[in-house]
PDB file of all heavy atoms in Angstrom:
ATOM      1  N   LEU A   1      -1.014 -26.652 -67.266  1.00  0.00           N
ATOM      2  CA  LEU A   1      -1.280 -27.769 -68.242  1.00  0.00           C
ATOM      3  C   LEU A   1       0.031 -28.151 -69.040  1.00  0.00           C
ATOM      4  O   LEU A   1       0.270 -29.442 -69.167  1.00  0.00           O
ATOM      5  CB  LEU A   1      -2.424 -27.420 -69.200  1.00  0.00           C
ATOM      6  CG  LEU A   1      -2.900 -28.457 -70.200  1.00  0.00           C
ATOM      7  CD1 LEU A   1      -3.349 -29.674 -69.325  1.00  0.00           C
ATOM      8  CD2 LEU A   1      -3.863 -28.006 -71.021  1.00  0.00           C
ATOM      9  N   GLN A   2       0.685 -27.220 -69.418  1.00  0.00           N
ATOM     10  CA  GLN A   2       1.928 -27.556 -70.142  1.00  0.00           C
ATOM     11  C   GLN A   2       2.906 -28.239 -69.200  1.00  0.00           C
ATOM     12  O   GLN A   2       3.569 -29.241 -69.626  1.00  0.00           O
ATOM     13  CB  GLN A   2       2.625 -26.210 -70.679  1.00  0.00           C
ATOM     14  CG  GLN A   2       3.796 -26.501 -71.523  1.00  0.00           C
ATOM     15  CD  GLN A   2       3.590 -27.287 -72.798  1.00  0.00           C
ATOM     16  OE1 GLN A   2       2.621 -26.967 -73.369  1.00  0.00           O
ATOM     17  NE2 GLN A   2       4.357 -28.206 -73.079  1.00  0.00           N
ATOM     18  N   ASN A   3       3.043 -27.817 -67.907  1.00  0.00           N
ATOM     19  CA  ASN A   3       3.919 -28.488 -66.948  1.00  0.00           C
ATOM     20  C   ASN A   3       3.471 -29.956 -66.732  1.00  0.00           C
ATOM     21  O   ASN A   3       4.247 -30.854 -66.719  1.00  0.00           O
ATOM     22  CB  ASN A   3       3.954 -27.739 -65.698  1.00  0.00           C
ATOM     23  CG  ASN A   3       4.718 -26.422 -65.772  1.00  0.00           C
ATOM     24  OD1 ASN A   3       5.566 -26.240 -66.693  1.00  0.00           O
ATOM     25  ND2 ASN A   3       4.442 -25.477 -64.964  1.00  0.00           N
ATOM     26  N   SER A   4       2.129 -30.143 -66.607  1.00  0.00           N
ATOM     27  CA  SER A   4       1.598 -31.439 -66.450  1.00  0.00           C
ATOM     28  C   SER A   4       1.882 -32.312 -67.653  1.00  0.00           C
ATOM     29  O   SER A   4       2.282 -33.546 -67.534  1.00  0.00           O
ATOM     30  CB  SER A   4       0.083 -31.464 -66.156  1.00  0.00           C
ATOM     31  OG  SER A   4      -0.189 -30.736 -64.985  1.00  0.00           O
ATOM     32  N   ASN A   5       1.752 -31.774 -68.771  1.00  0.00           N
ATOM     33  CA  ASN A   5       2.039 -32.570 -70.031  1.00  0.00           C
ATOM     34  C   ASN A   5       3.492 -32.973 -70.147  1.00  0.00           C
ATOM     35  O   ASN A   5       3.863 -34.086 -70.464  1.00  0.00           O
ATOM     36  CB  ASN A   5       1.669 -31.761 -71.287  1.00  0.00           C
ATOM     37  CG  ASN A   5       0.159 -31.742 -71.525  1.00  0.00           C
ATOM     38  OD1 ASN A   5      -0.582 -32.503 -70.950  1.00  0.00           O
ATOM     39  ND2 ASN A   5      -0.333 -30.851 -72.310  1.00  0.00           N
ATOM     40  N   ASN A   6       4.454 -32.019 -69.706  1.00  0.00           N
ATOM     41  CA  ASN A   6       5.841 -32.295 -69.755  1.00  0.00           C
ATOM     42  C   ASN A   6       6.107 -33.500 -68.757  1.00  0.00           C
ATOM     43  O   ASN A   6       6.895 -34.330 -68.964  1.00  0.00           O
ATOM     44  CB  ASN A   6       6.678 -31.079 -69.384  1.00  0.00           C
ATOM     45  CG  ASN A   6       6.705 -30.116 -70.489  1.00  0.00           C
ATOM     46  OD1 ASN A   6       6.397 -30.437 -71.677  1.00  0.00           O
ATOM     47  ND2 ASN A   6       6.897 -28.829 -70.165  1.00  0.00           N
ATOM     48  N   LEU A   7       5.591 -33.425 -67.535  1.00  0.00           N
ATOM     49  CA  LEU A   7       5.746 -34.396 -66.505  1.00  0.00           C
ATOM     50  C   LEU A   7       5.233 -35.771 -67.010  1.00  0.00           C
ATOM     51  O   LEU A   7       5.855 -36.846 -66.819  1.00  0.00           O
ATOM     52  CB  LEU A   7       5.108 -34.063 -65.228  1.00  0.00           C
ATOM     53  CG  LEU A   7       5.770 -32.947 -64.443  1.00  0.00           C
ATOM     54  CD1 LEU A   7       4.849 -32.578 -63.270  1.00  0.00           C
ATOM     55  CD2 LEU A   7       7.146 -33.336 -63.975  1.00  0.00           C
ATOM     56  N   LEU A   8       4.037 -35.806 -67.673  1.00  0.00           N
ATOM     57  CA  LEU A   8       3.489 -36.921 -68.290  1.00  0.00           C
ATOM     58  C   LEU A   8       4.364 -37.576 -69.347  1.00  0.00           C
ATOM     59  O   LEU A   8       4.561 -38.770 -69.375  1.00  0.00           O
ATOM     60  CB  LEU A   8       2.119 -36.692 -68.740  1.00  0.00           C
ATOM     61  CG  LEU A   8       1.352 -37.873 -69.304  1.00  0.00           C
ATOM     62  CD1 LEU A   8       1.098 -38.993 -68.195  1.00  0.00           C
ATOM     63  CD2 LEU A   8      -0.009 -37.500 -69.867  1.00  0.00           C
ATOM     64  N   LYS A   9       4.986 -36.775 -70.169  1.00  0.00           N
ATOM     65  CA  LYS A   9       5.959 -37.276 -71.178  1.00  0.00           C
ATOM     66  C   LYS A   9       7.070 -37.909 -70.600  1.00  0.00           C
ATOM     67  O   LYS A   9       7.537 -38.934 -70.967  1.00  0.00           O
ATOM     68  CB  LYS A   9       6.390 -36.066 -72.074  1.00  0.00           C
ATOM     69  CG  LYS A   9       5.316 -35.663 -73.044  1.00  0.00           C
ATOM     70  CD  LYS A   9       5.894 -34.511 -73.874  1.00  0.00           C
ATOM     71  CE  LYS A   9       4.808 -33.946 -74.865  1.00  0.00           C
ATOM     72  NZ  LYS A   9       5.273 -32.828 -75.646  1.00  0.00           N
ATOM     73  N   GLN A  10       7.683 -37.402 -69.481  1.00  0.00           N
ATOM     74  CA  GLN A  10       8.852 -37.888 -68.780  1.00  0.00           C
ATOM     75  C   GLN A  10       8.451 -39.226 -68.145  1.00  0.00           C
ATOM     76  O   GLN A  10       9.211 -40.198 -68.271  1.00  0.00           O
ATOM     77  CB  GLN A  10       9.284 -36.856 -67.740  1.00  0.00           C
ATOM     78  CG  GLN A  10       9.957 -35.646 -68.282  1.00  0.00           C
ATOM     79  CD  GLN A  10      10.394 -34.702 -67.153  1.00  0.00           C
ATOM     80  OE1 GLN A  10      10.074 -34.907 -65.914  1.00  0.00           O
ATOM     81  NE2 GLN A  10      10.975 -33.614 -67.523  1.00  0.00           N
ATOM     82  N   LEU A  11       7.241 -39.291 -67.573  1.00  0.00           N
ATOM     83  CA  LEU A  11       6.809 -40.492 -66.967  1.00  0.00           C
ATOM     84  C   LEU A  11       6.636 -41.665 -67.924  1.00  0.00           C
ATOM     85  O   LEU A  11       7.129 -42.790 -67.758  1.00  0.00           O
ATOM     86  CB  LEU A  11       5.491 -40.281 -66.221  1.00  0.00           C
ATOM     87  CG  LEU A  11       4.758 -41.511 -65.568  1.00  0.00           C
ATOM     88  CD1 LEU A  11       5.692 -42.147 -64.489  1.00  0.00           C
ATOM     89  CD2 LEU A  11       3.436 -41.215 -65.046  1.00  0.00           C
ATOM     90  N   THR A  12       6.021 -41.333 -69.096  1.00  0.00           N
ATOM     91  CA  THR A  12       5.783 -42.346 -70.141  1.00  0.00           C
ATOM     92  C   THR A  12       7.097 -42.794 -70.689  1.00  0.00           C
ATOM     93  O   THR A  12       7.259 -43.984 -70.970  1.00  0.00           O
ATOM     94  CB  THR A  12       4.810 -41.869 -71.208  1.00  0.00           C
ATOM     95  OG1 THR A  12       5.252 -40.680 -71.725  1.00  0.00           O
ATOM     96  CG2 THR A  12       3.388 -41.733 -70.526  1.00  0.00           C
ATOM     97  N   TYR A  13       8.038 -41.843 -70.878  1.00  0.00           N
ATOM     98  CA  TYR A  13       9.334 -42.199 -71.496  1.00  0.00           C
ATOM     99  C   TYR A  13       9.975 -43.248 -70.367  1.00  0.00           C
ATOM    100  O   TYR A  13      10.606 -44.176 -70.866  1.00  0.00           O
ATOM    101  CB  TYR A  13      10.119 -41.007 -71.679  1.00  0.00           C
ATOM    102  CG  TYR A  13      11.492 -41.337 -72.071  1.00  0.00           C
ATOM    103  CD1 TYR A  13      11.854 -41.755 -73.444  1.00  0.00           C
ATOM    104  CD2 TYR A  13      12.706 -41.386 -71.177  1.00  0.00           C
ATOM    105  CE1 TYR A  13      13.141 -42.046 -73.850  1.00  0.00           C
ATOM    106  CE2 TYR A  13      13.952 -41.722 -71.599  1.00  0.00           C
ATOM    107  CZ  TYR A  13      14.180 -42.044 -72.896  1.00  0.00           C
ATOM    108  OH  TYR A  13      15.394 -42.406 -73.296  1.00  0.00           O
ATOM    109  N   SER A  14      10.087 -42.800 -69.149  1.00  0.00           N
ATOM    110  CA  SER A  14      10.653 -43.654 -68.266  1.00  0.00           C
ATOM    111  C   SER A  14      10.032 -45.030 -68.051  1.00  0.00           C
ATOM    112  O   SER A  14      10.720 -46.052 -67.976  1.00  0.00           O
ATOM    113  CB  SER A  14      10.613 -43.024 -66.818  1.00  0.00           C
ATOM    114  OG  SER A  14      11.386 -41.882 -66.738  1.00  0.00           O
ATOM    115  N   ALA A  15       8.694 -45.043 -68.056  1.00  0.00           N
ATOM    116  CA  ALA A  15       8.069 -46.360 -67.929  1.00  0.00           C
ATOM    117  C   ALA A  15       8.390 -47.204 -69.210  1.00  0.00           C
ATOM    118  O   ALA A  15       8.580 -48.422 -69.122  1.00  0.00           O
ATOM    119  CB  ALA A  15       6.494 -46.174 -67.781  1.00  0.00           C
ATOM    120  N   SER A  16       8.266 -46.659 -70.362  1.00  0.00           N
ATOM    121  CA  SER A  16       8.589 -47.379 -71.616  1.00  0.00           C
ATOM    122  C   SER A  16      10.068 -47.927 -71.557  1.00  0.00           C
ATOM    123  O   SER A  16      10.262 -49.006 -71.904  1.00  0.00           O
ATOM    124  CB  SER A  16       8.421 -46.530 -72.748  1.00  0.00           C
ATOM    125  OG  SER A  16       8.972 -46.981 -73.964  1.00  0.00           O
ATOM    126  N   HIS A  17      10.977 -47.038 -71.125  1.00  0.00           N
ATOM    127  CA  HIS A  17      12.401 -47.474 -71.058  1.00  0.00           C
ATOM    128  C   HIS A  17      12.636 -48.641 -70.080  1.00  0.00           C
ATOM    129  O   HIS A  17      13.277 -49.560 -70.326  1.00  0.00           O
ATOM    130  CB  HIS A  17      13.226 -46.260 -70.721  1.00  0.00           C
ATOM    131  CG  HIS A  17      14.696 -46.516 -70.617  1.00  0.00           C
ATOM    132  ND1 HIS A  17      15.346 -47.002 -69.563  1.00  0.00           N
ATOM    133  CD2 HIS A  17      15.632 -46.544 -71.642  1.00  0.00           C
ATOM    134  CE1 HIS A  17      16.617 -47.190 -69.849  1.00  0.00           C
ATOM    135  NE2 HIS A  17      16.829 -46.906 -71.049  1.00  0.00           N
ATOM    136  N   ASP A  18      11.921 -48.482 -68.908  1.00  0.00           N
ATOM    137  CA  ASP A  18      12.100 -49.442 -67.864  1.00  0.00           C
ATOM    138  C   ASP A  18      11.419 -50.784 -68.246  1.00  0.00           C
ATOM    139  O   ASP A  18      11.901 -51.927 -67.799  1.00  0.00           O
ATOM    140  CB  ASP A  18      11.433 -48.950 -66.550  1.00  0.00           C
ATOM    141  CG  ASP A  18      12.172 -47.815 -65.859  1.00  0.00           C
ATOM    142  OD1 ASP A  18      13.322 -47.567 -66.319  1.00  0.00           O
ATOM    143  OD2 ASP A  18      11.659 -47.197 -64.978  1.00  0.00           O
ATOM    144  N   LEU A  19      10.368 -50.860 -69.058  1.00  0.00           N
ATOM    145  CA  LEU A  19       9.840 -52.055 -69.456  1.00  0.00           C
ATOM    146  C   LEU A  19      10.653 -52.737 -70.672  1.00  0.00           C
ATOM    147  O   LEU A  19      10.411 -53.935 -70.846  1.00  0.00           O
ATOM    148  CB  LEU A  19       8.324 -51.848 -69.909  1.00  0.00           C
ATOM    149  CG  LEU A  19       7.478 -51.430 -68.782  1.00  0.00           C
ATOM    150  CD1 LEU A  19       6.082 -51.117 -69.386  1.00  0.00           C
ATOM    151  CD2 LEU A  19       7.240 -52.627 -67.849  1.00  0.00           C
ATOM    152  N   LYS A  20      11.394 -51.996 -71.380  1.00  0.00           N
ATOM    153  CA  LYS A  20      12.105 -52.619 -72.483  1.00  0.00           C
ATOM    154  C   LYS A  20      13.022 -53.672 -72.097  1.00  0.00           C
ATOM    155  O   LYS A  20      13.189 -54.724 -72.673  1.00  0.00           O
ATOM    156  CB  LYS A  20      12.786 -51.551 -73.320  1.00  0.00           C
ATOM    157  CG  LYS A  20      11.871 -50.705 -74.184  1.00  0.00           C
ATOM    158  CD  LYS A  20      12.590 -49.676 -74.895  1.00  0.00           C
ATOM    159  CE  LYS A  20      11.640 -48.837 -75.803  1.00  0.00           C
ATOM    160  NZ  LYS A  20      12.233 -47.732 -76.494  1.00  0.00           N
ATOM    161  N   GLU A  21      13.830 -53.474 -70.999  1.00  0.00           N
ATOM    162  CA  GLU A  21      14.825 -54.449 -70.592  1.00  0.00           C
ATOM    163  C   GLU A  21      14.314 -55.793 -70.163  1.00  0.00           C
ATOM    164  O   GLU A  21      14.717 -56.784 -70.641  1.00  0.00           O
ATOM    165  CB  GLU A  21      15.764 -53.816 -69.434  1.00  0.00           C
ATOM    166  CG  GLU A  21      16.885 -54.692 -69.131  1.00  0.00           C
ATOM    167  CD  GLU A  21      17.856 -54.885 -70.227  1.00  0.00           C
ATOM    168  OE1 GLU A  21      17.976 -53.999 -71.149  1.00  0.00           O
ATOM    169  OE2 GLU A  21      18.459 -56.013 -70.337  1.00  0.00           O
ATOM    170  N   PRO A  22      13.181 -55.834 -69.332  1.00  0.00           N
ATOM    171  CA  PRO A  22      12.610 -57.108 -69.078  1.00  0.00           C
ATOM    172  C   PRO A  22      12.022 -57.854 -70.254  1.00  0.00           C
ATOM    173  O   PRO A  22      12.139 -59.026 -70.433  1.00  0.00           O
ATOM    174  CB  PRO A  22      11.485 -56.817 -67.996  1.00  0.00           C
ATOM    175  CG  PRO A  22      11.818 -55.513 -67.478  1.00  0.00           C
ATOM    176  CD  PRO A  22      12.566 -54.798 -68.495  1.00  0.00           C
ATOM    177  N   LEU A  23      11.464 -57.083 -71.240  1.00  0.00           N
ATOM    178  CA  LEU A  23      10.887 -57.639 -72.410  1.00  0.00           C
ATOM    179  C   LEU A  23      12.034 -58.194 -73.253  1.00  0.00           C
ATOM    180  O   LEU A  23      11.938 -59.350 -73.951  1.00  0.00           O
ATOM    181  CB  LEU A  23      10.147 -56.628 -73.170  1.00  0.00           C
ATOM    182  CG  LEU A  23       8.719 -56.362 -72.510  1.00  0.00           C
ATOM    183  CD1 LEU A  23       8.019 -55.193 -73.323  1.00  0.00           C
ATOM    184  CD2 LEU A  23       7.862 -57.536 -72.429  1.00  0.00           C
ATOM    185  N   ARG A  24      13.152 -57.550 -73.286  1.00  0.00           N
ATOM    186  CA  ARG A  24      14.251 -57.956 -74.062  1.00  0.00           C
ATOM    187  C   ARG A  24      14.811 -59.283 -73.409  1.00  0.00           C
ATOM    188  O   ARG A  24      15.101 -60.264 -74.185  1.00  0.00           O
ATOM    189  CB  ARG A  24      15.353 -56.846 -74.041  1.00  0.00           C
ATOM    190  CG  ARG A  24      16.465 -57.132 -75.094  1.00  0.00           C
ATOM    191  CD  ARG A  24      17.450 -55.915 -75.063  1.00  0.00           C
ATOM    192  NE  ARG A  24      16.771 -54.694 -75.403  1.00  0.00           N
ATOM    193  CZ  ARG A  24      16.869 -53.549 -74.619  1.00  0.00           C
ATOM    194  NH1 ARG A  24      17.625 -53.498 -73.590  1.00  0.00           N
ATOM    195  NH2 ARG A  24      16.148 -52.475 -75.038  1.00  0.00           N
ATOM    196  N   ASN A  25      14.838 -59.342 -72.166  1.00  0.00           N
ATOM    197  CA  ASN A  25      15.319 -60.593 -71.435  1.00  0.00           C
ATOM    198  C   ASN A  25      14.374 -61.799 -71.726  1.00  0.00           C
ATOM    199  O   ASN A  25      14.853 -62.949 -72.006  1.00  0.00           O
ATOM    200  CB  ASN A  25      15.425 -60.405 -69.961  1.00  0.00           C
ATOM    201  CG  ASN A  25      16.650 -59.453 -69.627  1.00  0.00           C
ATOM    202  OD1 ASN A  25      17.566 -59.461 -70.403  1.00  0.00           O
ATOM    203  ND2 ASN A  25      16.622 -58.839 -68.481  1.00  0.00           N
ATOM    204  N   ILE A  26      13.070 -61.466 -71.723  1.00  0.00           N
ATOM    205  CA  ILE A  26      12.084 -62.535 -72.006  1.00  0.00           C
ATOM    206  C   ILE A  26      12.200 -63.005 -73.469  1.00  0.00           C
ATOM    207  O   ILE A  26      12.215 -64.219 -73.695  1.00  0.00           O
ATOM    208  CB  ILE A  26      10.673 -61.993 -71.780  1.00  0.00           C
ATOM    209  CG1 ILE A  26      10.435 -61.753 -70.285  1.00  0.00           C
ATOM    210  CG2 ILE A  26       9.676 -62.964 -72.344  1.00  0.00           C
ATOM    211  CD1 ILE A  26       9.108 -61.079 -69.878  1.00  0.00           C
TER     212      ILE A  26
END
């Protein structure tokens, strides 16, 4: 469960980071 939570945190960080640039451009 701890490993899954860590992977989920990494995924949400990456998704958030990846979405910021297009939103900034818009």
